Protein backbone atom coordinates (compact mmCIF):
# COMPACT_ATOMS: atom_id res chain seq x y z
CA MET A 1 21.48 55.85 -2.89
CA GLU A 2 20.63 53.80 0.13
CA GLN A 3 17.14 53.80 -0.81
CA MET A 4 17.72 52.53 -4.28
CA ARG A 5 19.68 49.58 -2.81
CA MET A 6 17.10 48.64 -0.53
CA SER A 7 14.40 48.51 -3.17
CA ASP A 8 16.84 46.60 -5.32
CA ARG A 9 17.31 43.78 -2.52
CA MET A 10 13.43 43.69 -2.06
CA ARG A 11 12.89 43.26 -5.70
CA ASP A 12 15.48 40.58 -6.01
CA ARG A 13 13.67 38.74 -2.80
CA TRP A 14 10.41 38.96 -4.37
CA VAL A 15 11.68 37.62 -7.66
CA SER A 16 13.65 34.70 -6.02
CA HIS A 17 10.42 34.08 -3.80
CA HIS A 18 8.26 34.21 -7.08
CA ILE A 19 10.62 31.86 -9.06
CA ARG A 20 10.75 29.27 -6.04
CA GLN A 21 6.79 29.35 -5.84
CA ARG A 22 6.52 28.52 -9.51
CA LEU A 23 9.05 25.79 -9.14
CA VAL A 24 7.20 24.30 -6.41
CA GLY A 25 3.97 24.38 -8.33
CA VAL A 26 5.61 22.55 -11.28
CA LEU A 27 7.16 20.05 -9.00
CA GLY A 28 3.84 19.57 -7.38
CA ILE A 29 2.23 18.79 -10.74
CA PHE A 30 5.06 16.21 -11.50
CA GLU A 31 4.55 14.56 -8.12
CA ASP A 32 0.83 14.20 -8.89
CA MET A 33 1.44 12.77 -12.33
CA ILE A 34 3.72 10.11 -10.70
CA TYR A 35 0.95 9.24 -8.04
CA VAL A 36 -1.58 9.08 -10.90
CA LEU A 37 0.56 6.82 -12.82
CA LEU A 38 1.24 4.61 -9.69
CA ALA A 39 -2.59 4.56 -9.23
CA PHE A 40 -3.06 3.28 -12.74
CA SER A 41 -0.33 0.66 -12.49
CA LEU A 42 -2.09 -0.54 -9.23
CA PHE A 43 -5.41 -0.91 -10.93
CA ALA A 44 -3.78 -2.66 -13.91
CA GLY A 45 -2.02 -5.12 -11.65
CA ALA A 46 -5.17 -6.08 -9.79
CA LEU A 47 -7.13 -6.39 -13.06
CA TYR A 48 -4.38 -8.60 -14.65
CA ILE A 49 -4.43 -10.76 -11.48
CA ILE A 50 -8.14 -11.27 -11.51
CA VAL A 51 -8.19 -12.31 -15.18
CA ASP A 52 -5.23 -14.37 -14.70
CA THR A 53 -7.05 -16.04 -11.85
CA VAL A 54 -10.30 -16.67 -13.84
CA VAL A 55 -8.27 -17.89 -16.92
CA HIS A 56 -6.00 -20.17 -14.96
CA LEU A 57 -8.36 -21.74 -12.60
CA ASP A 58 -7.21 -25.15 -11.12
CA LEU A 59 -10.35 -27.17 -10.86
CA THR A 60 -8.37 -30.45 -10.31
CA SER A 61 -8.90 -30.33 -6.52
CA LEU A 62 -11.13 -28.13 -4.29
CA SER A 63 -8.35 -27.44 -1.85
CA SER A 64 -5.94 -26.10 -4.52
CA PHE A 65 -8.83 -24.06 -6.11
CA ILE A 66 -9.54 -22.22 -2.81
CA ASN A 67 -6.08 -21.94 -1.92
CA SER A 68 -5.36 -20.13 -5.15
CA VAL A 69 -8.36 -17.90 -5.45
CA LEU A 70 -7.94 -16.92 -1.65
CA ASP A 71 -4.29 -15.89 -2.19
CA ARG A 72 -4.91 -13.97 -5.43
CA PHE A 73 -8.16 -12.30 -3.87
CA LEU A 74 -6.17 -11.02 -0.86
CA ILE A 75 -3.34 -9.76 -3.01
CA VAL A 76 -6.13 -7.84 -5.15
CA LEU A 77 -7.44 -6.52 -1.73
CA MET A 78 -4.09 -5.36 -0.93
CA LEU A 79 -3.57 -3.61 -4.08
CA ALA A 80 -7.22 -1.91 -3.82
CA GLU A 81 -6.20 -0.56 -0.33
CA LEU A 82 -3.02 0.99 -1.73
CA LEU A 83 -4.96 2.35 -4.59
CA HIS A 84 -7.54 3.82 -2.16
CA THR A 85 -4.61 5.50 -0.18
CA LEU A 86 -3.39 7.09 -3.35
CA LEU A 87 -6.69 8.43 -4.23
CA LEU A 88 -7.10 9.80 -0.77
CA PHE A 89 -3.77 11.51 -1.00
CA LEU A 90 -4.55 12.86 -4.42
CA LYS A 91 -7.62 14.57 -2.76
CA THR A 92 -6.27 15.76 0.29
CA HIS A 93 -2.27 15.90 -0.28
CA GLN A 94 -1.95 14.15 3.29
CA PHE A 95 -0.79 10.64 3.78
CA ARG A 96 -2.78 8.49 6.42
CA HIS A 97 -1.15 5.66 8.05
CA GLN A 98 -4.35 3.50 8.66
CA PRO A 99 -4.57 1.93 5.03
CA PHE A 100 -0.93 0.95 5.24
CA LEU A 101 -1.62 -0.82 8.67
CA ILE A 102 -4.66 -2.62 6.93
CA VAL A 103 -2.57 -3.61 4.09
CA GLY A 104 -0.14 -5.06 6.60
CA ILE A 105 -2.83 -6.77 8.44
CA ILE A 106 -4.14 -8.52 5.04
CA ALA A 107 -0.55 -9.43 4.09
CA ALA A 108 -0.04 -11.19 7.60
CA ILE A 109 -3.34 -13.01 7.05
CA ARG A 110 -2.65 -14.16 3.69
CA ARG A 111 0.85 -15.40 5.00
CA ILE A 112 -0.94 -17.40 7.80
CA LEU A 113 -3.10 -18.99 5.33
CA VAL A 114 -0.34 -19.78 3.18
CA ILE A 115 1.68 -21.38 5.90
CA THR A 116 -1.37 -23.51 7.17
CA ALA A 117 -2.00 -24.58 3.45
CA LYS A 118 1.65 -25.75 3.03
CA ALA A 119 1.59 -27.50 6.45
CA ALA A 120 -1.65 -29.37 5.32
CA VAL A 121 -0.22 -30.36 1.95
CA ASN A 122 3.23 -31.44 2.88
CA ARG A 123 2.75 -32.90 6.29
CA PRO A 124 6.35 -32.74 7.12
CA GLU A 125 6.69 -33.96 10.90
CA VAL A 126 10.47 -32.84 10.74
CA HIS A 127 9.48 -29.17 9.88
CA VAL A 128 6.64 -28.58 12.38
CA SER A 129 8.74 -26.61 14.54
CA SER A 130 9.69 -23.99 11.81
CA TYR A 131 6.11 -24.02 10.65
CA LEU A 132 4.84 -23.27 14.21
CA LEU A 133 7.57 -20.55 14.60
CA ASP A 134 6.54 -18.92 11.41
CA LEU A 135 2.98 -19.13 12.25
CA GLY A 136 3.43 -17.67 15.69
CA VAL A 137 5.62 -14.76 14.39
CA THR A 138 3.15 -13.83 11.77
CA THR A 139 0.33 -14.12 14.20
CA PHE A 140 2.14 -11.62 16.70
CA VAL A 141 2.84 -9.24 13.50
CA ALA A 142 -1.07 -9.26 12.58
CA LEU A 143 -2.11 -8.79 16.26
CA ALA A 144 0.48 -5.90 16.77
CA LEU A 145 -0.85 -4.14 13.58
CA THR A 146 -4.33 -4.64 14.57
CA LEU A 147 -3.58 -2.98 18.07
CA ALA A 148 -1.71 -0.30 16.18
CA LEU A 149 -4.78 0.33 13.87
CA ARG A 150 -7.22 0.10 16.82
CA TRP A 151 -5.26 2.66 18.94
CA SER A 152 -4.32 5.02 16.16
CA PRO A 153 -6.22 8.34 15.98
CA LYS A 154 -9.32 8.47 13.78
CA GLN A 155 -9.36 10.63 10.69
CA ASP A 156 -12.43 11.59 8.63
CA GLU A 157 -12.34 10.21 5.04
CA PHE A 158 -13.41 12.12 2.18
């Protein structure tokens, strides 16, 4: 009698373990599908920004043309880096922090360029201190992210 109860318990454990394994496998497939959809969305967004930039080129002045193209180029570069991160995750199922640091650095550089472009166009003598504070904080963030990237352990890419 005791022998039968033990085998029933072992069978129940095996069945519940088997069901859990199947459930984890199915949820893993759904997770991968979400990442693939997100990757396609990032690609579509980058493609849209490129096409929109070409269609709506502002050729009235050189400075507005350069600001617009550079701003949108940096956004596309951030989207491409995020797409690269997702593709690496789909291959290895491990997230790496370096691409996120790179995206942060690109975003900080973009912000610095926007701040300097606004300051050059507006030339508000009253708001110089707020521009300088914004520029200083953003520069500090860019340097901190660069140091974090420099000191982070290197990982092989596939």
